[in-house]
Amino acid sequence: MIIRSGIDLVYLPLFKKSLKNGGENFLRRVYFEEELINNDPTRLAGIFAAKEAVIKALSLSTDSWLEILITYKSNGSPEVQIQNSLQFGGQAKFKAQNSALSITHQGAYTIAQFVAILE
């Protein structure tokens, strides 16, 4: 059993500038359509931070944005779905016994933390 953790901090004014400068290209490179349904910049910053936290925890390449889908349960808590591209020969590269994702917003900052227990 291996415990992996990743955390990311996003400064909202800088993130909003990146959204403005990157436009549609930035959105399509980082987000799934489902993640863009509510395109509030603060919410998008949370998803961005969550993906960064997952990338750090699992030591993925920095172009893994579209291999990680952030969804929300009915109670509003976020969860991570790893896409098929992170599988080798029909077996998942990462088999998690359990994982948890937390996203919080405070003032000009958004923080996400991801923890996974891997087999």
N, C-alpha and C. Protein backbone atom coordinates (compact mmCIF):
# COMPACT_ATOMS: atom_id res chain seq x y z
N MET A 1 0.84 -1.17 0.00
CA MET A 1 0.00 0.00 0.00
C MET A 1 0.89 1.25 0.00
N ILE A 2 0.53 2.19 -0.88
CA ILE A 2 1.28 3.44 -0.99
C ILE A 2 0.29 4.60 -0.84
N ILE A 3 0.64 5.57 -0.03
CA ILE A 3 -0.20 6.76 0.12
C ILE A 3 0.46 7.89 -0.66
N ARG A 4 -0.31 8.49 -1.57
CA ARG A 4 0.20 9.60 -2.39
C ARG A 4 -0.66 10.83 -2.14
N SER A 5 -0.03 11.98 -2.10
CA SER A 5 -0.75 13.23 -1.84
C SER A 5 -0.25 14.32 -2.76
N GLY A 6 -1.16 15.16 -3.20
CA GLY A 6 -0.79 16.32 -4.01
C GLY A 6 -1.64 17.51 -3.60
N ILE A 7 -1.07 18.69 -3.70
CA ILE A 7 -1.78 19.91 -3.32
C ILE A 7 -1.43 21.00 -4.32
N ASP A 8 -2.38 21.91 -4.57
CA ASP A 8 -2.11 23.01 -5.47
C ASP A 8 -2.84 24.26 -4.99
N LEU A 9 -2.19 25.39 -5.18
CA LEU A 9 -2.72 26.70 -4.80
C LEU A 9 -2.84 27.55 -6.06
N VAL A 10 -4.00 28.16 -6.27
CA VAL A 10 -4.23 29.02 -7.43
C VAL A 10 -4.54 30.43 -6.92
N TYR A 11 -3.83 31.41 -7.46
CA TYR A 11 -4.09 32.82 -7.16
C TYR A 11 -5.10 33.31 -8.19
N LEU A 12 -6.32 33.61 -7.75
CA LEU A 12 -7.43 33.89 -8.67
C LEU A 12 -7.18 35.04 -9.64
N PRO A 13 -6.62 36.18 -9.24
CA PRO A 13 -6.38 37.23 -10.23
C PRO A 13 -5.49 36.77 -11.39
N LEU A 14 -4.45 36.01 -11.10
CA LEU A 14 -3.57 35.50 -12.15
C LEU A 14 -4.29 34.45 -13.00
N PHE A 15 -5.09 33.60 -12.36
CA PHE A 15 -5.84 32.59 -13.09
C PHE A 15 -6.85 33.24 -14.05
N LYS A 16 -7.54 34.27 -13.58
CA LYS A 16 -8.51 34.97 -14.43
C LYS A 16 -7.81 35.60 -15.63
N LYS A 17 -6.60 36.10 -15.43
CA LYS A 17 -5.82 36.67 -16.54
C LYS A 17 -5.46 35.57 -17.53
N SER A 18 -5.09 34.39 -17.03
CA SER A 18 -4.79 33.25 -17.91
C SER A 18 -6.02 32.83 -18.70
N LEU A 19 -7.19 32.84 -18.06
CA LEU A 19 -8.43 32.52 -18.77
C LEU A 19 -8.67 33.51 -19.90
N LYS A 20 -8.48 34.78 -19.61
CA LYS A 20 -8.71 35.83 -20.61
C LYS A 20 -7.71 35.71 -21.76
N ASN A 21 -6.44 35.55 -21.45
CA ASN A 21 -5.40 35.48 -22.48
C ASN A 21 -5.42 34.18 -23.26
N GLY A 22 -5.72 33.08 -22.59
CA GLY A 22 -5.72 31.77 -23.25
C GLY A 22 -6.99 31.47 -24.01
N GLY A 23 -8.08 32.07 -23.60
CA GLY A 23 -9.36 31.92 -24.27
C GLY A 23 -9.80 30.47 -24.44
N GLU A 24 -10.46 30.22 -25.57
CA GLU A 24 -11.00 28.89 -25.87
C GLU A 24 -9.90 27.84 -25.93
N ASN A 25 -8.73 28.19 -26.44
CA ASN A 25 -7.63 27.23 -26.54
C ASN A 25 -7.26 26.70 -25.16
N PHE A 26 -7.15 27.58 -24.19
CA PHE A 26 -6.83 27.17 -22.81
C PHE A 26 -7.93 26.27 -22.26
N LEU A 27 -9.18 26.67 -22.44
CA LEU A 27 -10.30 25.89 -21.92
C LEU A 27 -10.34 24.49 -22.52
N ARG A 28 -10.15 24.37 -23.82
CA ARG A 28 -10.21 23.06 -24.50
C ARG A 28 -9.01 22.18 -24.17
N ARG A 29 -7.89 22.78 -23.82
CA ARG A 29 -6.69 22.02 -23.48
C ARG A 29 -6.74 21.45 -22.06
N VAL A 30 -7.52 22.10 -21.18
CA VAL A 30 -7.51 21.74 -19.76
C VAL A 30 -8.81 21.07 -19.30
N TYR A 31 -9.95 21.46 -19.87
CA TYR A 31 -11.24 21.05 -19.32
C TYR A 31 -12.06 20.18 -20.27
N PHE A 32 -12.81 19.24 -19.67
CA PHE A 32 -13.82 18.48 -20.39
C PHE A 32 -15.07 19.35 -20.52
N GLU A 33 -15.94 19.04 -21.50
CA GLU A 33 -17.19 19.78 -21.66
C GLU A 33 -18.00 19.80 -20.37
N GLU A 34 -18.05 18.65 -19.68
CA GLU A 34 -18.83 18.57 -18.43
C GLU A 34 -18.32 19.55 -17.38
N GLU A 35 -17.02 19.81 -17.40
CA GLU A 35 -16.43 20.71 -16.42
C GLU A 35 -16.70 22.17 -16.75
N LEU A 36 -17.10 22.44 -18.00
CA LEU A 36 -17.33 23.81 -18.45
C LEU A 36 -18.80 24.22 -18.38
N ILE A 37 -19.67 23.34 -17.90
CA ILE A 37 -21.10 23.66 -17.84
C ILE A 37 -21.32 24.94 -17.03
N ASN A 38 -20.67 25.05 -15.90
CA ASN A 38 -20.69 26.27 -15.10
C ASN A 38 -19.29 26.87 -15.22
N ASN A 39 -19.16 27.89 -16.07
CA ASN A 39 -17.81 28.41 -16.34
C ASN A 39 -17.44 29.60 -15.46
N ASP A 40 -17.93 29.61 -14.23
CA ASP A 40 -17.53 30.62 -13.26
C ASP A 40 -16.02 30.50 -13.02
N PRO A 41 -15.26 31.60 -13.14
CA PRO A 41 -13.81 31.52 -12.98
C PRO A 41 -13.34 30.91 -11.66
N THR A 42 -14.05 31.18 -10.57
CA THR A 42 -13.65 30.61 -9.28
C THR A 42 -13.82 29.09 -9.30
N ARG A 43 -14.91 28.62 -9.88
CA ARG A 43 -15.14 27.17 -9.98
C ARG A 43 -14.10 26.53 -10.89
N LEU A 44 -13.81 27.17 -12.03
CA LEU A 44 -12.80 26.64 -12.95
C LEU A 44 -11.43 26.61 -12.29
N ALA A 45 -11.13 27.60 -11.46
CA ALA A 45 -9.86 27.60 -10.72
C ALA A 45 -9.79 26.41 -9.78
N GLY A 46 -10.91 26.06 -9.16
CA GLY A 46 -10.95 24.89 -8.29
C GLY A 46 -10.68 23.61 -9.04
N ILE A 47 -11.28 23.48 -10.21
CA ILE A 47 -11.05 22.28 -11.03
C ILE A 47 -9.60 22.24 -11.50
N PHE A 48 -9.06 23.38 -11.89
CA PHE A 48 -7.67 23.46 -12.31
C PHE A 48 -6.75 23.02 -11.17
N ALA A 49 -6.97 23.56 -9.98
CA ALA A 49 -6.15 23.19 -8.82
C ALA A 49 -6.29 21.71 -8.50
N ALA A 50 -7.50 21.18 -8.63
CA ALA A 50 -7.73 19.75 -8.36
C ALA A 50 -6.93 18.89 -9.34
N LYS A 51 -6.97 19.24 -10.62
CA LYS A 51 -6.21 18.47 -11.61
C LYS A 51 -4.71 18.54 -11.33
N GLU A 52 -4.24 19.72 -10.97
CA GLU A 52 -2.82 19.88 -10.62
C GLU A 52 -2.46 19.01 -9.42
N ALA A 53 -3.33 18.96 -8.42
CA ALA A 53 -3.07 18.15 -7.23
C ALA A 53 -3.00 16.67 -7.59
N VAL A 54 -3.88 16.21 -8.49
CA VAL A 54 -3.86 14.81 -8.94
C VAL A 54 -2.58 14.53 -9.71
N ILE A 55 -2.21 15.43 -10.62
CA ILE A 55 -0.98 15.28 -11.40
C ILE A 55 0.23 15.14 -10.48
N LYS A 56 0.28 15.97 -9.45
CA LYS A 56 1.40 15.91 -8.51
C LYS A 56 1.39 14.62 -7.69
N ALA A 57 0.22 14.23 -7.21
CA ALA A 57 0.13 13.02 -6.37
C ALA A 57 0.51 11.76 -7.14
N LEU A 58 0.10 11.68 -8.40
CA LEU A 58 0.33 10.47 -9.18
C LEU A 58 1.55 10.58 -10.09
N SER A 59 2.28 11.68 -9.98
CA SER A 59 3.49 11.92 -10.80
C SER A 59 3.20 11.77 -12.29
N LEU A 60 2.12 12.41 -12.74
CA LEU A 60 1.74 12.37 -14.15
C LEU A 60 2.47 13.47 -14.91
N SER A 61 2.46 13.38 -16.22
CA SER A 61 3.05 14.44 -17.04
C SER A 61 2.15 15.67 -16.97
N THR A 62 2.73 16.82 -17.21
CA THR A 62 1.98 18.06 -17.09
C THR A 62 0.98 18.27 -18.22
N ASP A 63 0.95 17.38 -19.19
CA ASP A 63 -0.07 17.47 -20.26
C ASP A 63 -1.20 16.46 -20.04
N SER A 64 -1.41 16.06 -18.80
CA SER A 64 -2.42 15.04 -18.46
C SER A 64 -3.79 15.64 -18.14
N TRP A 65 -4.01 16.89 -18.48
CA TRP A 65 -5.26 17.58 -18.12
C TRP A 65 -6.50 16.80 -18.52
N LEU A 66 -6.52 16.29 -19.75
CA LEU A 66 -7.71 15.62 -20.25
C LEU A 66 -7.71 14.13 -19.93
N GLU A 67 -6.87 13.71 -19.01
CA GLU A 67 -6.92 12.34 -18.49
C GLU A 67 -7.56 12.34 -17.10
N ILE A 68 -7.89 13.52 -16.60
CA ILE A 68 -8.45 13.68 -15.26
C ILE A 68 -9.75 14.47 -15.37
N LEU A 69 -10.84 13.86 -14.94
CA LEU A 69 -12.15 14.50 -14.95
C LEU A 69 -12.58 14.76 -13.51
N ILE A 70 -12.93 16.00 -13.23
CA ILE A 70 -13.42 16.36 -11.90
C ILE A 70 -14.94 16.49 -11.98
N THR A 71 -15.62 15.69 -11.18
CA THR A 71 -17.08 15.73 -11.12
C THR A 71 -17.50 16.04 -9.68
N TYR A 72 -18.78 16.24 -9.51
CA TYR A 72 -19.30 16.57 -8.19
C TYR A 72 -20.43 15.61 -7.82
N LYS A 73 -20.39 15.11 -6.59
CA LYS A 73 -21.45 14.25 -6.08
C LYS A 73 -22.69 15.10 -5.79
N SER A 74 -23.81 14.44 -5.53
CA SER A 74 -25.05 15.16 -5.26
C SER A 74 -24.94 16.07 -4.03
N ASN A 75 -24.05 15.74 -3.10
CA ASN A 75 -23.87 16.58 -1.91
C ASN A 75 -22.89 17.74 -2.15
N GLY A 76 -22.37 17.85 -3.38
CA GLY A 76 -21.48 18.95 -3.73
C GLY A 76 -20.00 18.66 -3.57
N SER A 77 -19.66 17.51 -3.01
CA SER A 77 -18.23 17.20 -2.83
C SER A 77 -17.62 16.73 -4.15
N PRO A 78 -16.39 17.18 -4.43
CA PRO A 78 -15.74 16.82 -5.69
C PRO A 78 -15.16 15.41 -5.65
N GLU A 79 -15.04 14.81 -6.82
CA GLU A 79 -14.36 13.53 -6.93
C GLU A 79 -13.61 13.46 -8.25
N VAL A 80 -12.65 12.56 -8.30
CA VAL A 80 -11.76 12.42 -9.45
C VAL A 80 -12.13 11.17 -10.23
N GLN A 81 -12.17 11.31 -11.55
CA GLN A 81 -12.32 10.16 -12.43
C GLN A 81 -11.11 10.15 -13.37
N ILE A 82 -10.36 9.06 -13.32
CA ILE A 82 -9.19 8.90 -14.19
C ILE A 82 -9.65 8.25 -15.48
N GLN A 83 -9.25 8.82 -16.61
CA GLN A 83 -9.70 8.33 -17.91
C GLN A 83 -8.90 7.12 -18.37
N ASN A 84 -9.41 6.44 -19.40
CA ASN A 84 -8.81 5.21 -19.91
C ASN A 84 -7.39 5.37 -20.42
N SER A 85 -7.00 6.58 -20.78
CA SER A 85 -5.65 6.78 -21.31
C SER A 85 -4.57 6.49 -20.28
N LEU A 86 -4.95 6.38 -19.02
CA LEU A 86 -3.98 6.05 -17.98
C LEU A 86 -4.00 4.56 -17.66
N GLN A 87 -4.37 3.77 -18.67
CA GLN A 87 -4.38 2.32 -18.51
C GLN A 87 -3.38 1.71 -19.49
N PHE A 88 -2.81 0.60 -19.09
CA PHE A 88 -1.86 -0.11 -19.93
C PHE A 88 -2.32 -1.56 -20.08
N GLY A 89 -2.49 -2.03 -21.31
CA GLY A 89 -2.88 -3.41 -21.53
C GLY A 89 -4.16 -3.80 -20.82
N GLY A 90 -5.12 -2.88 -20.76
CA GLY A 90 -6.39 -3.17 -20.13
C GLY A 90 -6.38 -3.06 -18.62
N GLN A 91 -5.22 -2.82 -18.03
CA GLN A 91 -5.14 -2.68 -16.58
C GLN A 91 -4.80 -1.24 -16.22
N ALA A 92 -5.43 -0.77 -15.19
CA ALA A 92 -5.20 0.60 -14.75
C ALA A 92 -3.78 0.76 -14.24
N LYS A 93 -3.15 1.86 -14.65
CA LYS A 93 -1.81 2.17 -14.15
C LYS A 93 -1.85 2.44 -12.65
N PHE A 94 -2.96 3.02 -12.21
CA PHE A 94 -3.13 3.34 -10.80
C PHE A 94 -4.39 2.66 -10.31
N LYS A 95 -4.25 1.75 -9.37
CA LYS A 95 -5.41 1.11 -8.77
C LYS A 95 -5.52 1.63 -7.34
N ALA A 96 -6.49 2.50 -7.15
CA ALA A 96 -6.66 3.12 -5.84
C ALA A 96 -7.63 2.34 -4.98
N GLN A 97 -7.22 2.07 -3.76
CA GLN A 97 -8.13 1.48 -2.79
C GLN A 97 -9.13 2.54 -2.33
N ASN A 98 -8.64 3.76 -2.23
CA ASN A 98 -9.48 4.85 -1.78
C ASN A 98 -8.80 6.17 -2.17
N SER A 99 -9.60 7.20 -2.37
CA SER A 99 -9.04 8.51 -2.66
C SER A 99 -9.99 9.58 -2.15
N ALA A 100 -9.46 10.77 -1.96
CA ALA A 100 -10.27 11.90 -1.50
C ALA A 100 -9.74 13.17 -2.14
N LEU A 101 -10.66 14.04 -2.51
CA LEU A 101 -10.33 15.32 -3.11
C LEU A 101 -11.06 16.41 -2.34
N SER A 102 -10.35 17.47 -2.03
CA SER A 102 -10.94 18.62 -1.35
C SER A 102 -10.55 19.89 -2.09
N ILE A 103 -11.53 20.76 -2.30
CA ILE A 103 -11.29 22.05 -2.95
C ILE A 103 -11.87 23.12 -2.03
N THR A 104 -11.09 24.18 -1.80
CA THR A 104 -11.60 25.28 -0.97
C THR A 104 -11.22 26.61 -1.61
N HIS A 105 -12.06 27.60 -1.38
CA HIS A 105 -11.85 28.95 -1.91
C HIS A 105 -11.84 29.91 -0.72
N GLN A 106 -10.83 30.76 -0.68
CA GLN A 106 -10.74 31.77 0.38
C GLN A 106 -10.14 33.04 -0.20
N GLY A 107 -10.94 34.07 -0.27
CA GLY A 107 -10.45 35.33 -0.80
C GLY A 107 -9.93 35.18 -2.22
N ALA A 108 -8.69 35.56 -2.44
CA ALA A 108 -8.09 35.51 -3.78
C ALA A 108 -7.42 34.18 -4.09
N TYR A 109 -7.66 33.16 -3.28
CA TYR A 109 -6.97 31.88 -3.45
C TYR A 109 -7.94 30.70 -3.51
N THR A 110 -7.53 29.71 -4.27
CA THR A 110 -8.22 28.42 -4.32
C THR A 110 -7.17 27.35 -4.05
N ILE A 111 -7.50 26.40 -3.20
CA ILE A 111 -6.58 25.30 -2.88
C ILE A 111 -7.30 23.98 -3.10
N ALA A 112 -6.59 23.02 -3.66
CA ALA A 112 -7.12 21.67 -3.81
C ALA A 112 -6.08 20.69 -3.28
N GLN A 113 -6.57 19.65 -2.61
CA GLN A 113 -5.70 18.58 -2.13
C GLN A 113 -6.31 17.25 -2.54
N PHE A 114 -5.44 16.35 -3.03
CA PHE A 114 -5.85 15.01 -3.43
C PHE A 114 -4.98 14.01 -2.69
N VAL A 115 -5.63 13.00 -2.12
CA VAL A 115 -4.93 11.93 -1.42
C VAL A 115 -5.46 10.61 -1.96
N ALA A 116 -4.55 9.68 -2.27
CA ALA A 116 -4.95 8.36 -2.76
C ALA A 116 -4.15 7.28 -2.05
N ILE A 117 -4.82 6.19 -1.75
CA ILE A 117 -4.16 4.99 -1.24
C ILE A 117 -4.11 4.02 -2.41
N LEU A 118 -2.90 3.74 -2.88
CA LEU A 118 -2.70 2.88 -4.05
C LEU A 118 -2.28 1.49 -3.63
N GLU A 119 -2.68 0.52 -4.42
CA GLU A 119 -2.26 -0.87 -4.16
C GLU A 119 -0.87 -1.10 -4.70
